Amino acid sequence: MSGAFTEGWYRLFLRAFPPGHRVEYGAEIIGTLLGGTSRRAPSPRETAGLLTAGFAARARAATAAPWWADGLQLGLLMLALANLAYGIADHASPWWLAASALLVGALLRGWALVALPLALAVASSTGRAMLLGAQATSWLPQILGPANHNWVSMAPYGVLAIGALALAASRSGRPQRLRARPLWWLVIPAACFALTYMPGSREYGETWQLVRAGTESVLLLAGVLATAIARSPRWALAAAIYVLPGVASPLINPPSNAQDIGYWLTLIGLLLAMLATAWRPQPIPERRHPQ
């Protein structure tokens, strides 16, 4: 196997590190991994080391922003992504999907003042039947999205609107915007679109539910690891914003099967692990590059 392939392989996984870290230490890391040889196969151990060390470096780099604003932004982004995913699964109108996608984009790039009116519009439209009466459900179906009919299901949208208001108020008059998030978050609506329109797929079927639960568990577990590395409550705040509004539904209407109970207990358990880890003393010592 050529040395060029091995070097290209390591440079690909070096992208797990923040850009500034790659500029400062990238050449040193690659030189250490190649070890002066011109031809050898990439090592799975060293590849895994790049991924874990890069994740740790990104977790530490995230602490540069105020923890509460960063956690609030991340939690609202997760709620907006869930709203967009459900809109895709519900075959909502193109106008509704466009508004939901714009909200995701605004939160993804850290544009709090742009996200505010979009979040208020999404929450108002979703709750229009409760605010204005059942007749509002049929208003402009080609533009407005699904309408919820109970306050329990509206809890995530209420948190989305209130959170966007708080986020915009915190950024008003400040020249710096919030941290821009990586574009890989867009894999979530893309996967939902594929599952929804895949031949033979059933609306909210078993595959859809498994992918949803798996994605949520992986993201929350990543939050636990990031919290253990950086000892910051930002990920716990984001997880609470996403998980707690949804907990209202099983509390009011208890799940009828063990699978649903296990699902909610897993999410709550990961959230509690994040909360417990965030205030433990002494973060894990920083490593400049994988061994």
Protein backbone atom coordinates (compact mmCIF):
# COMPACT_ATOMS: atom_id res chain seq x y z
CA MET A 1 0.00 0.00 0.00
CA SER A 2 1.49 3.35 -1.06
CA GLY A 3 2.73 5.95 1.38
CA ALA A 4 0.59 8.54 -0.43
CA PHE A 5 -2.56 6.55 0.35
CA THR A 6 -1.56 6.17 4.01
CA GLU A 7 -0.84 9.86 4.35
CA GLY A 8 -4.11 10.77 2.63
CA TRP A 9 -5.95 8.39 4.96
CA TYR A 10 -4.53 10.03 8.06
CA ARG A 11 -5.15 13.53 6.69
CA LEU A 12 -8.79 12.57 6.15
CA PHE A 13 -9.24 11.57 9.80
CA LEU A 14 -7.16 14.53 10.93
CA ARG A 15 -10.22 16.59 10.03
CA ALA A 16 -11.73 15.37 13.29
CA PHE A 17 -9.62 18.12 14.91
CA PRO A 18 -10.68 21.79 14.87
CA PRO A 19 -9.17 23.81 11.96
CA GLY A 20 -6.86 25.83 14.22
CA HIS A 21 -5.50 22.67 15.82
CA ARG A 22 -4.83 21.14 12.39
CA VAL A 23 -2.91 24.23 11.27
CA GLU A 24 -0.74 24.28 14.38
CA TYR A 25 -0.15 20.57 14.98
CA GLY A 26 -1.26 18.81 11.78
CA ALA A 27 2.20 18.39 10.23
CA GLU A 28 3.63 17.12 13.52
CA ILE A 29 0.81 14.59 13.98
CA ILE A 30 1.11 13.27 10.41
CA GLY A 31 4.89 13.03 10.72
CA THR A 32 4.58 11.07 13.96
CA LEU A 33 2.00 8.69 12.51
CA LEU A 34 3.98 7.99 9.36
CA GLY A 35 7.09 7.39 11.46
CA GLY A 36 9.52 8.15 8.65
CA THR A 37 8.41 5.22 6.49
CA SER A 38 7.34 5.72 2.89
CA ARG A 39 5.15 2.61 2.57
CA ARG A 40 2.87 1.06 5.22
CA ALA A 41 -0.83 0.44 5.76
CA PRO A 42 -2.87 2.76 7.97
CA SER A 43 -3.24 1.51 11.52
CA PRO A 44 -6.79 1.02 12.85
CA ARG A 45 -5.52 1.90 16.33
CA GLU A 46 -3.95 5.15 15.15
CA THR A 47 -7.07 5.98 13.11
CA ALA A 48 -9.23 5.49 16.20
CA GLY A 49 -6.75 7.62 18.14
CA LEU A 50 -7.15 10.46 15.65
CA LEU A 51 -10.94 10.31 15.99
CA THR A 52 -10.98 10.25 19.79
CA ALA A 53 -8.28 12.92 20.16
CA GLY A 54 -10.02 15.09 17.57
CA PHE A 55 -13.33 14.74 19.40
CA ALA A 56 -11.64 15.74 22.66
CA ALA A 57 -10.00 18.76 21.00
CA ARG A 58 -13.34 19.90 19.59
CA ALA A 59 -15.00 19.48 23.00
CA ARG A 60 -12.37 21.69 24.62
CA ALA A 61 -12.54 24.25 21.80
CA ALA A 62 -16.32 24.54 22.30
CA THR A 63 -15.80 25.97 25.80
CA ALA A 64 -14.59 29.28 24.37
CA ALA A 65 -18.22 30.45 23.97
CA PRO A 66 -20.46 31.23 26.99
CA TRP A 67 -21.80 27.86 28.14
CA TRP A 68 -25.44 28.86 28.55
CA ALA A 69 -25.76 30.57 25.14
CA ASP A 70 -23.92 27.74 23.40
CA GLY A 71 -26.02 25.09 25.14
CA LEU A 72 -29.24 26.99 24.41
CA GLN A 73 -28.34 27.28 20.73
CA LEU A 74 -27.51 23.56 20.50
CA GLY A 75 -30.71 22.51 22.27
CA LEU A 76 -32.87 24.70 20.02
CA LEU A 77 -31.07 23.33 16.95
CA MET A 78 -31.97 19.79 18.04
CA LEU A 79 -35.63 20.78 18.52
CA ALA A 80 -35.68 22.48 15.10
CA LEU A 81 -34.15 19.39 13.47
CA ALA A 82 -36.81 17.20 15.10
CA ASN A 83 -39.53 19.56 13.84
CA LEU A 84 -38.12 19.38 10.30
CA ALA A 85 -37.80 15.58 10.48
CA TYR A 86 -41.44 15.20 11.55
CA GLY A 87 -42.51 17.63 8.83
CA ILE A 88 -40.79 15.44 6.24
CA ALA A 89 -42.34 12.27 7.69
CA ASP A 90 -45.79 13.92 7.72
CA HIS A 91 -45.44 14.94 4.04
CA ALA A 92 -45.96 18.57 5.02
CA SER A 93 -46.30 21.29 2.39
CA PRO A 94 -43.16 22.57 0.65
CA TRP A 95 -43.68 26.01 2.20
CA TRP A 96 -43.75 24.55 5.72
CA LEU A 97 -40.68 22.45 5.05
CA ALA A 98 -38.89 25.50 3.65
CA ALA A 99 -39.67 27.55 6.78
CA SER A 100 -38.56 24.68 9.02
CA ALA A 101 -35.35 24.25 7.00
CA LEU A 102 -34.61 27.99 7.22
CA LEU A 103 -34.99 27.79 11.00
CA VAL A 104 -32.53 24.91 11.11
CA GLY A 105 -30.12 26.87 8.91
CA ALA A 106 -30.34 30.00 11.06
CA LEU A 107 -29.62 28.06 14.26
CA LEU A 108 -26.92 26.06 12.54
CA ARG A 109 -25.06 29.21 11.53
CA GLY A 110 -25.71 31.03 14.81
CA TRP A 111 -28.03 33.75 13.45
CA ALA A 112 -30.18 34.29 16.54
CA LEU A 113 -32.07 37.34 15.24
CA VAL A 114 -32.99 35.47 12.04
CA ALA A 115 -34.06 32.37 13.96
CA LEU A 116 -36.45 34.28 16.26
CA PRO A 117 -39.27 35.11 13.81
CA LEU A 118 -38.97 31.68 12.21
CA ALA A 119 -39.26 29.92 15.58
CA LEU A 120 -42.27 32.07 16.54
CA ALA A 121 -43.92 31.34 13.18
CA VAL A 122 -43.35 27.59 13.53
CA ALA A 123 -44.71 27.52 17.09
CA SER A 124 -47.72 29.72 16.26
CA SER A 125 -48.65 27.72 13.18
CA THR A 126 -48.32 24.39 14.99
CA GLY A 127 -50.52 25.62 17.85
CA ARG A 128 -53.05 27.51 15.76
CA ALA A 129 -55.86 25.05 16.50
CA MET A 130 -55.47 25.58 20.25
CA LEU A 131 -54.98 29.33 19.95
CA LEU A 132 -57.73 30.09 17.44
CA GLY A 133 -60.06 27.08 17.47
CA ALA A 134 -60.38 23.80 15.59
CA GLN A 135 -61.39 25.60 12.37
CA ALA A 136 -57.84 26.94 12.08
CA THR A 137 -56.58 23.43 11.30
CA SER A 138 -57.82 23.72 7.72
CA TRP A 139 -56.43 27.21 7.07
CA LEU A 140 -54.05 27.45 4.12
CA PRO A 141 -53.07 23.75 4.16
CA GLN A 142 -50.73 24.33 1.20
CA ILE A 143 -48.65 26.74 3.32
CA LEU A 144 -49.14 25.96 7.01
CA GLY A 145 -47.86 22.77 8.56
CA PRO A 146 -49.49 20.20 10.85
CA ALA A 147 -51.60 21.56 13.72
CA ASN A 148 -51.36 20.04 17.19
CA HIS A 149 -54.51 19.66 19.27
CA ASN A 150 -53.18 19.31 22.83
CA TRP A 151 -50.77 21.28 24.97
CA VAL A 152 -48.60 18.29 25.81
CA SER A 153 -47.56 17.87 22.17
CA MET A 154 -46.97 21.63 21.98
CA ALA A 155 -44.35 21.60 24.76
CA PRO A 156 -41.32 21.28 22.42
CA TYR A 157 -42.60 24.11 20.21
CA GLY A 158 -43.22 26.35 23.21
CA VAL A 159 -39.65 25.72 24.40
CA LEU A 160 -38.43 26.44 20.87
CA ALA A 161 -40.19 29.82 20.78
CA ILE A 162 -39.21 30.88 24.31
CA GLY A 163 -35.63 29.71 23.80
CA ALA A 164 -35.30 31.58 20.51
CA LEU A 165 -36.59 34.73 22.22
CA ALA A 166 -34.02 34.36 25.02
CA LEU A 167 -31.24 33.66 22.55
CA ALA A 168 -32.09 36.70 20.40
CA ALA A 169 -32.34 38.93 23.48
CA SER A 170 -28.89 37.82 24.59
CA ARG A 171 -27.38 38.62 21.19
CA SER A 172 -29.19 41.90 20.50
CA GLY A 173 -26.72 44.74 20.06
CA ARG A 174 -23.68 42.45 20.16
CA PRO A 175 -21.43 42.32 17.08
CA GLN A 176 -20.36 38.71 17.61
CA ARG A 177 -22.69 35.96 16.53
CA LEU A 178 -23.03 32.51 18.05
CA ARG A 179 -20.75 29.64 17.09
CA ALA A 180 -21.52 28.12 13.69
CA ARG A 181 -22.21 24.39 13.86
CA PRO A 182 -20.79 21.84 11.39
CA LEU A 183 -22.93 20.98 8.39
CA TRP A 184 -22.98 17.27 9.21
CA TRP A 185 -26.08 17.99 11.30
CA LEU A 186 -27.95 18.08 7.98
CA VAL A 187 -27.47 14.31 7.75
CA ILE A 188 -30.45 14.01 10.12
CA PRO A 189 -33.13 15.52 7.81
CA ALA A 190 -31.47 13.82 4.83
CA ALA A 191 -31.79 10.43 6.55
CA CYS A 192 -35.41 11.20 7.46
CA PHE A 193 -36.17 12.07 3.84
CA ALA A 194 -34.60 8.79 2.68
CA LEU A 195 -36.56 6.75 5.23
CA THR A 196 -39.83 8.51 4.40
CA TYR A 197 -39.63 8.01 0.64
CA MET A 198 -37.81 4.66 0.61
CA PRO A 199 -39.83 2.05 -1.34
CA GLY A 200 -41.85 -0.12 1.00
CA SER A 201 -41.35 2.12 4.00
CA ARG A 202 -44.22 2.67 6.42
CA GLU A 203 -44.95 6.05 7.99
CA TYR A 204 -43.34 6.10 11.46
CA GLY A 205 -42.61 2.41 11.04
CA GLU A 206 -40.19 0.30 13.04
CA THR A 207 -37.17 1.31 10.98
CA TRP A 208 -37.97 5.02 11.38
CA GLN A 209 -38.39 4.61 15.13
CA LEU A 210 -35.14 2.64 15.49
CA VAL A 211 -33.15 5.21 13.51
CA ARG A 212 -34.65 8.02 15.59
CA ALA A 213 -33.87 6.31 18.91
CA GLY A 214 -30.38 5.36 17.75
CA THR A 215 -29.58 8.89 16.54
CA GLU A 216 -30.78 10.44 19.80
CA SER A 217 -28.83 7.94 21.90
CA VAL A 218 -25.60 8.45 19.94
CA LEU A 219 -25.86 12.25 20.18
CA LEU A 220 -26.61 12.17 23.91
CA LEU A 221 -23.79 9.70 24.52
CA ALA A 222 -21.45 12.04 22.62
CA GLY A 223 -22.67 14.79 24.95
CA VAL A 224 -21.78 12.66 27.97
CA LEU A 225 -18.25 12.11 26.60
CA ALA A 226 -17.81 15.79 25.73
CA THR A 227 -18.97 16.74 29.22
CA ALA A 228 -16.48 14.30 30.77
CA ILE A 229 -13.67 15.89 28.75
CA ALA A 230 -14.50 19.59 29.13
CA ARG A 231 -16.51 19.60 32.39
CA SER A 232 -18.94 22.12 30.94
CA PRO A 233 -22.72 22.09 31.52
CA ARG A 234 -23.45 23.31 27.96
CA TRP A 235 -24.23 19.80 26.66
CA ALA A 236 -26.40 19.01 29.68
CA LEU A 237 -28.40 22.19 29.04
CA ALA A 238 -28.84 21.28 25.36
CA ALA A 239 -29.94 17.75 26.27
CA ALA A 240 -32.42 19.06 28.86
CA ILE A 241 -33.96 21.44 26.29
CA TYR A 242 -34.44 18.53 23.90
CA VAL A 243 -35.44 15.71 26.26
CA LEU A 244 -37.55 17.31 28.99
CA PRO A 245 -40.36 18.77 26.79
CA GLY A 246 -40.85 15.32 25.28
CA VAL A 247 -41.03 13.71 28.72
CA ALA A 248 -44.36 15.49 29.30
CA SER A 249 -46.09 13.07 26.92
CA PRO A 250 -45.20 9.77 28.67
CA LEU A 251 -45.88 11.37 32.06
CA ILE A 252 -49.42 12.33 31.04
CA ASN A 253 -50.02 9.20 28.93
CA PRO A 254 -47.80 6.39 30.30
CA PRO A 255 -46.27 4.14 27.60
CA SER A 256 -48.10 0.88 27.00
CA ASN A 257 -45.07 -1.29 26.22
CA ALA A 258 -41.60 -1.97 27.62
CA GLN A 259 -39.90 -0.70 24.46
CA ASP A 260 -41.24 2.85 24.91
CA ILE A 261 -40.46 2.79 28.62
CA GLY A 262 -36.89 1.71 27.87
CA TYR A 263 -36.57 4.45 25.26
CA TRP A 264 -37.51 7.25 27.68
CA LEU A 265 -35.48 5.79 30.54
CA THR A 266 -32.42 5.68 28.25
CA LEU A 267 -32.76 9.33 27.25
CA ILE A 268 -33.35 10.45 30.85
CA GLY A 269 -30.44 8.32 32.06
CA LEU A 270 -28.04 9.89 29.55
CA LEU A 271 -29.27 13.36 30.54
CA LEU A 272 -28.70 12.60 34.23
CA ALA A 273 -25.22 11.26 33.43
CA MET A 274 -24.43 14.55 31.71
CA LEU A 275 -25.72 16.58 34.65
CA ALA A 276 -23.69 14.52 37.12
CA THR A 277 -20.52 14.69 35.03
CA ALA A 278 -20.66 18.43 34.33
CA TRP A 279 -19.77 19.42 37.88
CA ARG A 280 -17.15 16.79 38.67
CA PRO A 281 -13.75 18.35 39.47
CA GLN A 282 -10.60 18.30 37.35
CA PRO A 283 -11.09 17.70 33.60
CA ILE A 284 -9.17 14.95 31.86
CA PRO A 285 -5.64 16.21 30.95
CA GLU A 286 -5.31 17.39 27.36
CA ARG A 287 -3.37 15.27 24.86
CA ARG A 288 -1.84 17.06 21.90
CA HIS A 289 -1.99 14.04 19.59
CA PRO A 290 -2.85 10.35 19.71
CA GLN A 291 -0.20 7.97 20.99
